[in-house]
PDB file of N, CA and C in Angstrom:
ATOM      1  N   THR A   1      86.227 107.346 118.048  1.00  0.00           N
ATOM      2  CA  THR A   1      87.128 107.749 116.808  1.00  0.00           C
ATOM      3  C   THR A   1      86.864 109.103 116.138  1.00  0.00           C
ATOM      4  N   PRO A   2      87.382 110.212 116.771  1.00  0.00           N
ATOM      5  CA  PRO A   2      86.946 111.371 116.217  1.00  0.00           C
ATOM      6  C   PRO A   2      87.225 111.612 114.507  1.00  0.00           C
ATOM      7  N   LEU A   3      88.145 110.857 114.227  1.00  0.00           N
ATOM      8  CA  LEU A   3      88.316 111.067 112.603  1.00  0.00           C
ATOM      9  C   LEU A   3      87.877 109.987 111.978  1.00  0.00           C
ATOM     10  N   GLY A   4      86.858 109.263 112.414  1.00  0.00           N
ATOM     11  CA  GLY A   4      86.457 107.975 111.630  1.00  0.00           C
ATOM     12  C   GLY A   4      85.787 108.422 110.400  1.00  0.00           C
ATOM     13  N   LEU A   5      85.002 109.469 110.630  1.00  0.00           N
ATOM     14  CA  LEU A   5      84.142 109.906 109.546  1.00  0.00           C
ATOM     15  C   LEU A   5      85.081 110.329 108.332  1.00  0.00           C
ATOM     16  N   MET A   6      86.072 110.985 108.744  1.00  0.00           N
ATOM     17  CA  MET A   6      86.913 112.070 107.720  1.00  0.00           C
ATOM     18  C   MET A   6      87.677 110.697 107.166  1.00  0.00           C
ATOM     19  N   ARG A   7      88.206 109.713 107.906  1.00  0.00           N
ATOM     20  CA  ARG A   7      88.890 108.597 106.896  1.00  0.00           C
ATOM     21  C   ARG A   7      88.015 107.858 105.941  1.00  0.00           C
ATOM     22  N   ILE A   8      86.721 107.657 106.410  1.00  0.00           N
ATOM     23  CA  ILE A   8      85.599 106.951 105.583  1.00  0.00           C
ATOM     24  C   ILE A   8      85.682 107.835 104.077  1.00  0.00           C
ATOM     25  N   ALA A   9      85.358 109.218 104.417  1.00  0.00           N
ATOM     26  CA  ALA A   9      85.240 110.139 103.333  1.00  0.00           C
ATOM     27  C   ALA A   9      86.213 110.329 102.406  1.00  0.00           C
ATOM     28  N   MET A  10      87.542 110.234 102.886  1.00  0.00           N
ATOM     29  CA  MET A  10      88.549 109.999 102.247  1.00  0.00           C
ATOM     30  C   MET A  10      88.945 108.856 101.440  1.00  0.00           C
ATOM     31  N   VAL A  11      88.347 107.644 101.958  1.00  0.00           N
ATOM     32  CA  VAL A  11      88.559 106.586 100.877  1.00  0.00           C
ATOM     33  C   VAL A  11      87.682 106.282 100.341  1.00  0.00           C
ATOM     34  N   VAL A  12      86.363 106.634 100.476  1.00  0.00           N
ATOM     35  CA  VAL A  12      84.893 106.416  99.481  1.00  0.00           C
ATOM     36  C   VAL A  12      85.042 107.471  98.470  1.00  0.00           C
ATOM     37  N   ALA A  13      85.209 108.940  98.635  1.00  0.00           N
ATOM     38  CA  ALA A  13      85.137 109.774  97.750  1.00  0.00           C
ATOM     39  C   ALA A  13      86.051 109.623  96.604  1.00  0.00           C
ATOM     40  N   PRO A  14      87.311 109.231  96.494  1.00  0.00           N
ATOM     41  CA  PRO A  14      88.207 108.922  95.196  1.00  0.00           C
ATOM     42  C   PRO A  14      87.753 107.662  94.512  1.00  0.00           C
ATOM     43  N   PHE A  15      87.033 106.303  95.217  1.00  0.00           N
ATOM     44  CA  PHE A  15      86.440 105.544  94.702  1.00  0.00           C
ATOM     45  C   PHE A  15      85.121 105.696  93.874  1.00  0.00           C
ATOM     46  N   LEU A  16      84.328 106.736  94.336  1.00  0.00           N
ATOM     47  CA  LEU A  16      82.972 107.278  93.813  1.00  0.00           C
ATOM     48  C   LEU A  16      83.654 108.153  92.670  1.00  0.00           C
ATOM     49  N   TYR A  17      84.601 108.705  92.618  1.00  0.00           N
ATOM     50  CA  TYR A  17      84.851 109.502  91.425  1.00  0.00           C
ATOM     51  C   TYR A  17      85.355 108.890  90.254  1.00  0.00           C
ATOM     52  N   VAL A  18      86.261 107.790  90.741  1.00  0.00           N
ATOM     53  CA  VAL A  18      86.862 106.925  89.611  1.00  0.00           C
ATOM     54  C   VAL A  18      85.769 106.069  89.203  1.00  0.00           C
ATOM     55  N   GLY A  19      84.768 105.458  89.939  1.00  0.00           N
ATOM     56  CA  GLY A  19      83.844 104.717  89.325  1.00  0.00           C
ATOM     57  C   GLY A  19      83.026 105.615  88.328  1.00  0.00           C
ATOM     58  N   THR A  20      82.658 106.772  88.678  1.00  0.00           N
ATOM     59  CA  THR A  20      81.960 107.587  87.927  1.00  0.00           C
ATOM     60  C   THR A  20      82.522 107.798  86.380  1.00  0.00           C
ATOM     61  N   LEU A  21      83.850 108.209  86.288  1.00  0.00           N
ATOM     62  CA  LEU A  21      84.475 108.340  85.128  1.00  0.00           C
ATOM     63  C   LEU A  21      84.651 106.981  84.433  1.00  0.00           C
ATOM     64  N   ILE A  22      84.745 105.720  85.206  1.00  0.00           N
ATOM     65  CA  ILE A  22      84.880 104.697  84.256  1.00  0.00           C
ATOM     66  C   ILE A  22      83.382 104.250  83.465  1.00  0.00           C
ATOM     67  N   SER A  23      82.386 104.401  84.303  1.00  0.00           N
ATOM     68  CA  SER A  23      81.058 104.178  83.619  1.00  0.00           C
ATOM     69  C   SER A  23      80.768 105.186  82.691  1.00  0.00           C
ATOM     70  N   LYS A  24      81.098 106.259  82.973  1.00  0.00           N
ATOM     71  CA  LYS A  24      80.709 107.716  81.763  1.00  0.00           C
ATOM     72  C   LYS A  24      81.610 106.978  80.474  1.00  0.00           C
ATOM     73  N   ASN A  25      82.403 106.703  80.702  1.00  0.00           N
ATOM     74  CA  ASN A  25      83.489 106.395  79.419  1.00  0.00           C
ATOM     75  C   ASN A  25      82.965 105.016  78.728  1.00  0.00           C
ATOM     76  N   PHE A  26      82.570 104.088  79.623  1.00  0.00           N
ATOM     77  CA  PHE A  26      82.171 102.943  79.025  1.00  0.00           C
ATOM     78  C   PHE A  26      81.080 103.223  78.335  1.00  0.00           C
ATOM     79  N   ALA A  27      79.918 103.755  78.918  1.00  0.00           N
ATOM     80  CA  ALA A  27      78.706 104.237  78.275  1.00  0.00           C
ATOM     81  C   ALA A  27      78.626 105.140  76.983  1.00  0.00           C
ATOM     82  N   ALA A  28      79.869 105.858  76.846  1.00  0.00           N
ATOM     83  CA  ALA A  28      80.007 106.442  75.558  1.00  0.00           C
ATOM     84  C   ALA A  28      80.838 105.557  74.578  1.00  0.00           C
ATOM     85  N   LEU A  29      81.420 104.447  75.102  1.00  0.00           N
ATOM     86  CA  LEU A  29      82.009 103.510  74.084  1.00  0.00           C
ATOM     87  C   LEU A  29      80.926 102.783  73.632  1.00  0.00           C
ATOM     88  N   LEU A  30      79.938 102.212  74.617  1.00  0.00           N
ATOM     89  CA  LEU A  30      79.048 101.489  74.057  1.00  0.00           C
ATOM     90  C   LEU A  30      78.214 102.252  72.940  1.00  0.00           C
ATOM     91  N   GLU A  31      77.747 103.624  73.353  1.00  0.00           N
ATOM     92  CA  GLU A  31      76.993 104.367  72.329  1.00  0.00           C
ATOM     93  C   GLU A  31      77.804 104.419  71.250  1.00  0.00           C
ATOM     94  N   GLU A  32      78.942 104.746  71.093  1.00  0.00           N
ATOM     95  CA  GLU A  32      79.769 104.955  69.652  1.00  0.00           C
ATOM     96  C   GLU A  32      79.849 103.728  68.888  1.00  0.00           C
ATOM     97  N   HIS A  33      79.812 102.565  69.491  1.00  0.00           N
ATOM     98  CA  HIS A  33      79.803 101.258  68.691  1.00  0.00           C
ATOM     99  C   HIS A  33      78.328 100.642  68.324  1.00  0.00           C
ATOM    100  N   ASP A  34      77.306 101.863  68.783  1.00  0.00           N
ATOM    101  CA  ASP A  34      75.938 101.332  68.725  1.00  0.00           C
ATOM    102  C   ASP A  34      75.691  99.740  69.406  1.00  0.00           C
ATOM    103  N   ILE A  35      76.080  99.794  70.358  1.00  0.00           N
ATOM    104  CA  ILE A  35      75.889  98.444  71.067  1.00  0.00           C
ATOM    105  C   ILE A  35      74.619  98.667  71.897  1.00  0.00           C
ATOM    106  N   PHE A  36      74.704  99.794  72.720  1.00  0.00           N
ATOM    107  CA  PHE A  36      73.441 100.312  73.462  1.00  0.00           C
ATOM    108  C   PHE A  36      73.342 101.720  73.170  1.00  0.00           C
ATOM    109  N   VAL A  37      71.937 101.954  72.559  1.00  0.00           N
ATOM    110  CA  VAL A  37      71.693 103.512  72.162  1.00  0.00           C
ATOM    111  C   VAL A  37      70.434 103.513  72.755  1.00  0.00           C
ATOM    112  N   PRO A  38      70.084 104.201  73.731  1.00  0.00           N
ATOM    113  CA  PRO A  38      68.611 104.385  74.324  1.00  0.00           C
ATOM    114  C   PRO A  38      67.671 105.091  73.215  1.00  0.00           C
ATOM    115  N   GLU A  39      66.593 104.468  73.358  1.00  0.00           N
ATOM    116  CA  GLU A  39      65.750 104.977  72.347  1.00  0.00           C
ATOM    117  C   GLU A  39      64.989 106.149  72.829  1.00  0.00           C
ATOM    118  N   ASP A  40      64.754 107.033  71.632  1.00  0.00           N
ATOM    119  CA  ASP A  40      63.683 108.175  72.140  1.00  0.00           C
ATOM    120  C   ASP A  40      62.380 108.101  71.751  1.00  0.00           C
ATOM    121  N   ASP A  41      61.535 107.736  72.931  1.00  0.00           N
ATOM    122  CA  ASP A  41      60.200 107.870  72.713  1.00  0.00           C
ATOM    123  C   ASP A  41      59.309 109.062  72.709  1.00  0.00           C
ATOM    124  N   ASP A  42      59.121 109.378  71.464  1.00  0.00           N
ATOM    125  CA  ASP A  42      58.153 110.447  71.288  1.00  0.00           C
ATOM    126  C   ASP A  42      56.725 110.118  70.761  1.00  0.00           C
ATOM    127  N   ASP A  43      56.139 109.599  71.857  1.00  0.00           N
ATOM    128  CA  ASP A  43      54.903 109.193  71.615  1.00  0.00           C
ATOM    129  C   ASP A  43      53.824 109.890  72.517  1.00  0.00           C
ATOM    130  N   ASP A  44      53.747 111.591  72.018  1.00  0.00           N
ATOM    131  CA  ASP A  44      52.917 112.567  72.739  1.00  0.00           C
ATOM    132  C   ASP A  44      51.799 112.590  72.020  1.00  0.00           C
ATOM    133  N   ASP A  45      51.245 111.704  71.293  1.00  0.00           N
ATOM    134  CA  ASP A  45      50.041 112.002  70.425  1.00  0.00           C
ATOM    135  C   ASP A  45      48.864 111.963  71.503  1.00  0.00           C
TER     136      ASP A  45
END
C-alpha cells in the first residue's frame, strides 16, 4: 500500500488536533471554576 501512511496521517492528525482543542478548553474551564487549580510549590529554601 503506497499511500497507507498518508491515509493514516490524514485520519490521525485531525483527531489529534480536535482532542488537543477539547482538552485545552476543558482545562481552562476547570481552572476558571476553581475545580482544579495546580498548586505552585515555591519551596526553594
